[in-house]
């Protein structure tokens, strides 16, 4: 009886090893990052990122007049000021929103919520740099960065994004 059990155990071990190797060798794309749905979509299409902060908001946040730009993610606006060495907002509207942005993030990125919207947060340990990718609609996101913000870049950027998201128009 013991010999029969040992044969069965060996067969199970071999079968398990074969299945494990077959699973590891499977070709195909990596799994898509899952992001929570956006419950109250906002629209970014056709909006000038520099217009997302009016004069009173910029004064409250301690930022100078924005300078428009463009990068690989889309139209953007950059600011400097007394409470941040630099801040930038980019309207990412040419893809699958936060799902696309989540693909390129590393293990130091945290999933958070800002003003009720799903977001990715990346920052340096001393707080001199912070980045938020905020999904405002299924296919749209704001990519926001700040350097040397006060009291730290993430706190200052959260304050800026709260103003910006509330100013975005509702979307279908």
C-alpha atoms as a PDB file:
ATOM      1  CA  UNK A   1       0.000   0.000   0.000  1.00  0.00           C
ATOM      2  CA  UNK A   2       2.835   2.424   0.836  1.00  0.00           C
ATOM      3  CA  UNK A   3       4.404   1.782  -2.583  1.00  0.00           C
ATOM      4  CA  UNK A   4       1.096   2.621  -4.308  1.00  0.00           C
ATOM      5  CA  UNK A   5       0.830   5.891  -2.383  1.00  0.00           C
ATOM      6  CA  UNK A   6       4.365   6.860  -3.313  1.00  0.00           C
ATOM      7  CA  UNK A   7       3.642   6.260  -7.029  1.00  0.00           C
ATOM      8  CA  UNK A   8       0.519   8.423  -6.792  1.00  0.00           C
ATOM      9  CA  UNK A   9       2.426  11.166  -5.000  1.00  0.00           C
ATOM     10  CA  UNK A  10       5.187  11.078  -7.650  1.00  0.00           C
ATOM     11  CA  UNK A  11       2.585  11.296 -10.437  1.00  0.00           C
ATOM     12  CA  UNK A  12       0.909  14.256  -8.732  1.00  0.00           C
ATOM     13  CA  UNK A  13       4.259  16.030  -8.328  1.00  0.00           C
ATOM     14  CA  UNK A  14       5.139  15.459 -11.994  1.00  0.00           C
ATOM     15  CA  UNK A  15       1.666  16.612 -13.111  1.00  0.00           C
ATOM     16  CA  UNK A  16       1.960  19.729 -10.953  1.00  0.00           C
ATOM     17  CA  UNK A  17       5.379  20.541 -12.392  1.00  0.00           C
ATOM     18  CA  UNK A  18       4.110  20.122 -15.956  1.00  0.00           C
ATOM     19  CA  UNK A  19       1.173  22.431 -15.252  1.00  0.00           C
ATOM     20  CA  UNK A  20       3.420  25.021 -13.610  1.00  0.00           C
ATOM     21  CA  UNK A  21       5.826  25.031 -16.570  1.00  0.00           C
ATOM     22  CA  UNK A  22       2.947  25.256 -19.033  1.00  0.00           C
ATOM     23  CA  UNK A  23       1.508  28.223 -17.141  1.00  0.00           C
ATOM     24  CA  UNK A  24       4.842  30.050 -16.990  1.00  0.00           C
ATOM     25  CA  UNK A  25       5.483  29.613 -20.684  1.00  0.00           C
ATOM     26  CA  UNK A  26       2.111  30.946 -21.798  1.00  0.00           C
ATOM     27  CA  UNK A  27       2.460  33.649 -24.395  1.00  0.00           C
ATOM     28  CA  UNK A  28       0.218  36.640 -24.441  1.00  0.00           C
ATOM     29  CA  UNK A  29       0.018  40.208 -23.268  1.00  0.00           C
ATOM     30  CA  UNK A  30       0.419  41.003 -19.591  1.00  0.00           C
ATOM     31  CA  UNK A  31      -2.837  41.563 -17.752  1.00  0.00           C
ATOM     32  CA  UNK A  32      -4.366  45.010 -18.120  1.00  0.00           C
ATOM     33  CA  UNK A  33      -4.079  47.161 -15.005  1.00  0.00           C
ATOM     34  CA  UNK A  34      -7.466  47.520 -13.415  1.00  0.00           C
ATOM     35  CA  UNK A  35      -8.599  50.964 -12.383  1.00  0.00           C
ATOM     36  CA  UNK A  36     -11.871  51.800 -10.684  1.00  0.00           C
ATOM     37  CA  UNK A  37     -14.590  53.371 -12.804  1.00  0.00           C
ATOM     38  CA  UNK A  38     -15.116  57.128 -12.734  1.00  0.00           C
ATOM     39  CA  UNK A  39     -18.480  57.786 -11.129  1.00  0.00           C
ATOM     40  CA  UNK A  40     -18.978  61.469 -12.061  1.00  0.00           C
ATOM     41  CA  UNK A  41     -17.070  61.962 -15.333  1.00  0.00           C
ATOM     42  CA  UNK A  42     -15.585  65.354 -16.168  1.00  0.00           C
ATOM     43  CA  UNK A  43     -14.452  66.525 -19.594  1.00  0.00           C
ATOM     44  CA  UNK A  44     -10.980  67.645 -20.668  1.00  0.00           C
ATOM     45  CA  UNK A  45     -11.344  67.517 -24.464  1.00  0.00           C
ATOM     46  CA  UNK A  46     -10.855  70.944 -26.017  1.00  0.00           C
ATOM     47  CA  UNK A  47      -9.953  72.633 -22.723  1.00  0.00           C
ATOM     48  CA  UNK A  48      -6.813  74.752 -22.470  1.00  0.00           C
ATOM     49  CA  UNK A  49      -4.979  73.444 -19.380  1.00  0.00           C
ATOM     50  CA  UNK A  50      -3.877  77.029 -18.591  1.00  0.00           C
ATOM     51  CA  UNK A  51      -7.549  78.023 -18.263  1.00  0.00           C
ATOM     52  CA  UNK A  52      -8.049  75.485 -15.475  1.00  0.00           C
ATOM     53  CA  UNK A  53      -6.733  77.991 -12.936  1.00  0.00           C
ATOM     54  CA  UNK A  54      -8.251  81.475 -12.950  1.00  0.00           C
ATOM     55  CA  UNK A  55      -6.488  84.496 -11.413  1.00  0.00           C
ATOM     56  CA  UNK A  56      -8.005  84.123  -7.914  1.00  0.00           C
ATOM     57  CA  UNK A  57      -7.098  80.404  -7.809  1.00  0.00           C
ATOM     58  CA  UNK A  58      -3.545  81.087  -8.989  1.00  0.00           C
ATOM     59  CA  UNK A  59      -3.155  83.820  -6.355  1.00  0.00           C
ATOM     60  CA  UNK A  60      -4.453  81.485  -3.629  1.00  0.00           C
ATOM     61  CA  UNK A  61      -2.047  78.757  -4.765  1.00  0.00           C
ATOM     62  CA  UNK A  62       0.879  81.193  -5.115  1.00  0.00           C
ATOM     63  CA  UNK A  63       1.425  80.523  -8.835  1.00  0.00           C
ATOM     64  CA  UNK A  64       2.411  82.857 -11.669  1.00  0.00           C
ATOM     65  CA  UNK A  65       0.689  83.028 -15.061  1.00  0.00           C
ATOM     66  CA  UNK A  66       0.725  79.667 -16.857  1.00  0.00           C
ATOM     67  CA  UNK A  67       2.793  78.896 -19.939  1.00  0.00           C
ATOM     68  CA  UNK A  68       1.116  76.590 -22.494  1.00  0.00           C
ATOM     69  CA  UNK A  69       2.979  73.615 -23.891  1.00  0.00           C
ATOM     70  CA  UNK A  70       2.675  70.198 -25.484  1.00  0.00           C
ATOM     71  CA  UNK A  71       4.342  66.873 -24.696  1.00  0.00           C
ATOM     72  CA  UNK A  72       3.867  63.198 -25.576  1.00  0.00           C
ATOM     73  CA  UNK A  73       0.773  63.008 -23.340  1.00  0.00           C
ATOM     74  CA  UNK A  74      -1.019  66.072 -24.711  1.00  0.00           C
ATOM     75  CA  UNK A  75      -1.596  69.783 -24.178  1.00  0.00           C
ATOM     76  CA  UNK A  76      -0.231  71.115 -20.912  1.00  0.00           C
ATOM     77  CA  UNK A  77       0.376  74.225 -18.872  1.00  0.00           C
ATOM     78  CA  UNK A  78       3.287  74.983 -16.580  1.00  0.00           C
ATOM     79  CA  UNK A  79       3.477  77.418 -13.684  1.00  0.00           C
ATOM     80  CA  UNK A  80       6.099  78.662 -11.254  1.00  0.00           C
ATOM     81  CA  UNK A  81       5.493  80.563  -8.053  1.00  0.00           C
ATOM     82  CA  UNK A  82       6.303  81.323  -4.466  1.00  0.00           C
ATOM     83  CA  UNK A  83       4.855  78.026  -3.197  1.00  0.00           C
ATOM     84  CA  UNK A  84       6.271  75.753  -5.927  1.00  0.00           C
ATOM     85  CA  UNK A  85       9.352  75.789  -8.119  1.00  0.00           C
ATOM     86  CA  UNK A  86       7.184  74.309 -10.867  1.00  0.00           C
ATOM     87  CA  UNK A  87       3.766  72.796 -11.433  1.00  0.00           C
ATOM     88  CA  UNK A  88       2.367  71.290 -14.629  1.00  0.00           C
ATOM     89  CA  UNK A  89      -1.015  69.974 -15.718  1.00  0.00           C
ATOM     90  CA  UNK A  90      -1.399  67.840 -18.827  1.00  0.00           C
ATOM     91  CA  UNK A  91      -4.743  66.914 -20.386  1.00  0.00           C
ATOM     92  CA  UNK A  92      -4.370  63.261 -21.423  1.00  0.00           C
ATOM     93  CA  UNK A  93      -7.246  62.651 -23.854  1.00  0.00           C
ATOM     94  CA  UNK A  94      -5.688  60.447 -26.544  1.00  0.00           C
ATOM     95  CA  UNK A  95      -5.941  56.994 -25.082  1.00  0.00           C
ATOM     96  CA  UNK A  96      -7.714  54.938 -22.465  1.00  0.00           C
ATOM     97  CA  UNK A  97      -7.215  57.399 -19.638  1.00  0.00           C
ATOM     98  CA  UNK A  98      -5.911  56.152 -16.325  1.00  0.00           C
ATOM     99  CA  UNK A  99      -5.731  52.553 -17.639  1.00  0.00           C
ATOM    100  CA  UNK A 100      -3.016  53.573 -20.137  1.00  0.00           C
ATOM    101  CA  UNK A 101      -1.120  55.621 -17.564  1.00  0.00           C
ATOM    102  CA  UNK A 102      -1.196  52.767 -15.028  1.00  0.00           C
ATOM    103  CA  UNK A 103       0.686  50.479 -17.444  1.00  0.00           C
ATOM    104  CA  UNK A 104       3.887  52.506 -17.243  1.00  0.00           C
ATOM    105  CA  UNK A 105       4.000  53.070 -13.491  1.00  0.00           C
ATOM    106  CA  UNK A 106       6.400  51.311 -11.166  1.00  0.00           C
ATOM    107  CA  UNK A 107       5.948  49.652  -7.795  1.00  0.00           C
ATOM    108  CA  UNK A 108       6.418  52.934  -5.902  1.00  0.00           C
ATOM    109  CA  UNK A 109       3.142  54.242  -7.305  1.00  0.00           C
ATOM    110  CA  UNK A 110       0.146  54.127  -4.981  1.00  0.00           C
ATOM    111  CA  UNK A 111      -3.504  53.972  -5.958  1.00  0.00           C
ATOM    112  CA  UNK A 112      -5.421  56.751  -4.221  1.00  0.00           C
ATOM    113  CA  UNK A 113      -8.550  58.865  -4.666  1.00  0.00           C
ATOM    114  CA  UNK A 114      -8.524  62.644  -5.093  1.00  0.00           C
ATOM    115  CA  UNK A 115     -11.796  64.537  -4.748  1.00  0.00           C
ATOM    116  CA  UNK A 116     -13.513  61.180  -5.284  1.00  0.00           C
ATOM    117  CA  UNK A 117     -11.625  60.337  -8.512  1.00  0.00           C
ATOM    118  CA  UNK A 118      -9.264  57.363  -8.972  1.00  0.00           C
ATOM    119  CA  UNK A 119      -5.636  58.428  -9.116  1.00  0.00           C
ATOM    120  CA  UNK A 120      -2.057  57.205  -9.126  1.00  0.00           C
ATOM    121  CA  UNK A 121       0.381  58.931  -6.751  1.00  0.00           C
ATOM    122  CA  UNK A 122       4.158  58.922  -7.095  1.00  0.00           C
ATOM    123  CA  UNK A 123       6.473  61.011  -4.935  1.00  0.00           C
ATOM    124  CA  UNK A 124       9.984  61.309  -3.608  1.00  0.00           C
ATOM    125  CA  UNK A 125      10.641  60.476   0.042  1.00  0.00           C
ATOM    126  CA  UNK A 126      11.516  64.039   1.048  1.00  0.00           C
ATOM    127  CA  UNK A 127       8.457  65.463  -0.719  1.00  0.00           C
ATOM    128  CA  UNK A 128      10.287  67.630  -3.247  1.00  0.00           C
ATOM    129  CA  UNK A 129       8.531  65.983  -6.242  1.00  0.00           C
ATOM    130  CA  UNK A 130       5.007  64.612  -6.628  1.00  0.00           C
ATOM    131  CA  UNK A 131       2.944  63.308  -9.543  1.00  0.00           C
ATOM    132  CA  UNK A 132      -0.748  62.484  -9.703  1.00  0.00           C
ATOM    133  CA  UNK A 133      -2.483  60.858 -12.653  1.00  0.00           C
ATOM    134  CA  UNK A 134      -6.199  61.435 -12.050  1.00  0.00           C
ATOM    135  CA  UNK A 135      -8.860  59.636 -14.084  1.00  0.00           C
ATOM    136  CA  UNK A 136     -11.636  62.169 -14.691  1.00  0.00           C
ATOM    137  CA  UNK A 137     -13.465  60.084 -17.331  1.00  0.00           C
ATOM    138  CA  UNK A 138     -13.082  56.595 -18.809  1.00  0.00           C
ATOM    139  CA  UNK A 139     -10.712  57.847 -21.525  1.00  0.00           C
ATOM    140  CA  UNK A 140      -9.407  61.084 -19.979  1.00  0.00           C
ATOM    141  CA  UNK A 141      -6.954  61.904 -17.198  1.00  0.00           C
ATOM    142  CA  UNK A 142      -5.083  64.825 -15.746  1.00  0.00           C
ATOM    143  CA  UNK A 143      -1.350  64.272 -15.321  1.00  0.00           C
ATOM    144  CA  UNK A 144      -0.144  66.719 -12.666  1.00  0.00           C
ATOM    145  CA  UNK A 145       3.397  67.238 -11.403  1.00  0.00           C
ATOM    146  CA  UNK A 146       4.972  69.585  -8.887  1.00  0.00           C
ATOM    147  CA  UNK A 147       8.521  70.254  -7.746  1.00  0.00           C
ATOM    148  CA  UNK A 148       9.452  71.878  -4.455  1.00  0.00           C
ATOM    149  CA  UNK A 149       5.906  72.604  -3.356  1.00  0.00           C
ATOM    150  CA  UNK A 150       5.076  73.853   0.130  1.00  0.00           C
ATOM    151  CA  UNK A 151       4.582  72.394   2.698  1.00  0.00           C
ATOM    152  CA  UNK A 152       5.448  69.427   0.443  1.00  0.00           C
ATOM    153  CA  UNK A 153       4.752  68.799  -3.239  1.00  0.00           C
ATOM    154  CA  UNK A 154       1.947  66.244  -2.755  1.00  0.00           C
ATOM    155  CA  UNK A 155      -0.004  68.418  -0.302  1.00  0.00           C
ATOM    156  CA  UNK A 156       0.339  71.461  -2.554  1.00  0.00           C
ATOM    157  CA  UNK A 157      -0.569  69.443  -5.654  1.00  0.00           C
ATOM    158  CA  UNK A 158      -3.662  68.009  -3.946  1.00  0.00           C
ATOM    159  CA  UNK A 159      -4.805  71.574  -3.208  1.00  0.00           C
ATOM    160  CA  UNK A 160      -4.243  72.573  -6.855  1.00  0.00           C
ATOM    161  CA  UNK A 161      -6.049  69.491  -8.202  1.00  0.00           C
ATOM    162  CA  UNK A 162      -9.039  70.087  -5.930  1.00  0.00           C
ATOM    163  CA  UNK A 163      -9.517  73.491  -7.593  1.00  0.00           C
ATOM    164  CA  UNK A 164      -8.915  72.130 -11.104  1.00  0.00           C
ATOM    165  CA  UNK A 165     -11.237  69.105 -10.879  1.00  0.00           C
ATOM    166  CA  UNK A 166     -14.093  71.186  -9.486  1.00  0.00           C
ATOM    167  CA  UNK A 167     -13.727  73.587 -12.446  1.00  0.00           C
ATOM    168  CA  UNK A 168     -13.984  70.826 -15.088  1.00  0.00           C
ATOM    169  CA  UNK A 169     -17.337  70.550 -16.857  1.00  0.00           C
ATOM    170  CA  UNK A 170     -19.455  67.409 -16.395  1.00  0.00           C
ATOM    171  CA  UNK A 171     -19.119  64.892 -19.205  1.00  0.00           C
ATOM    172  CA  UNK A 172     -21.375  62.160 -20.538  1.00  0.00           C
END
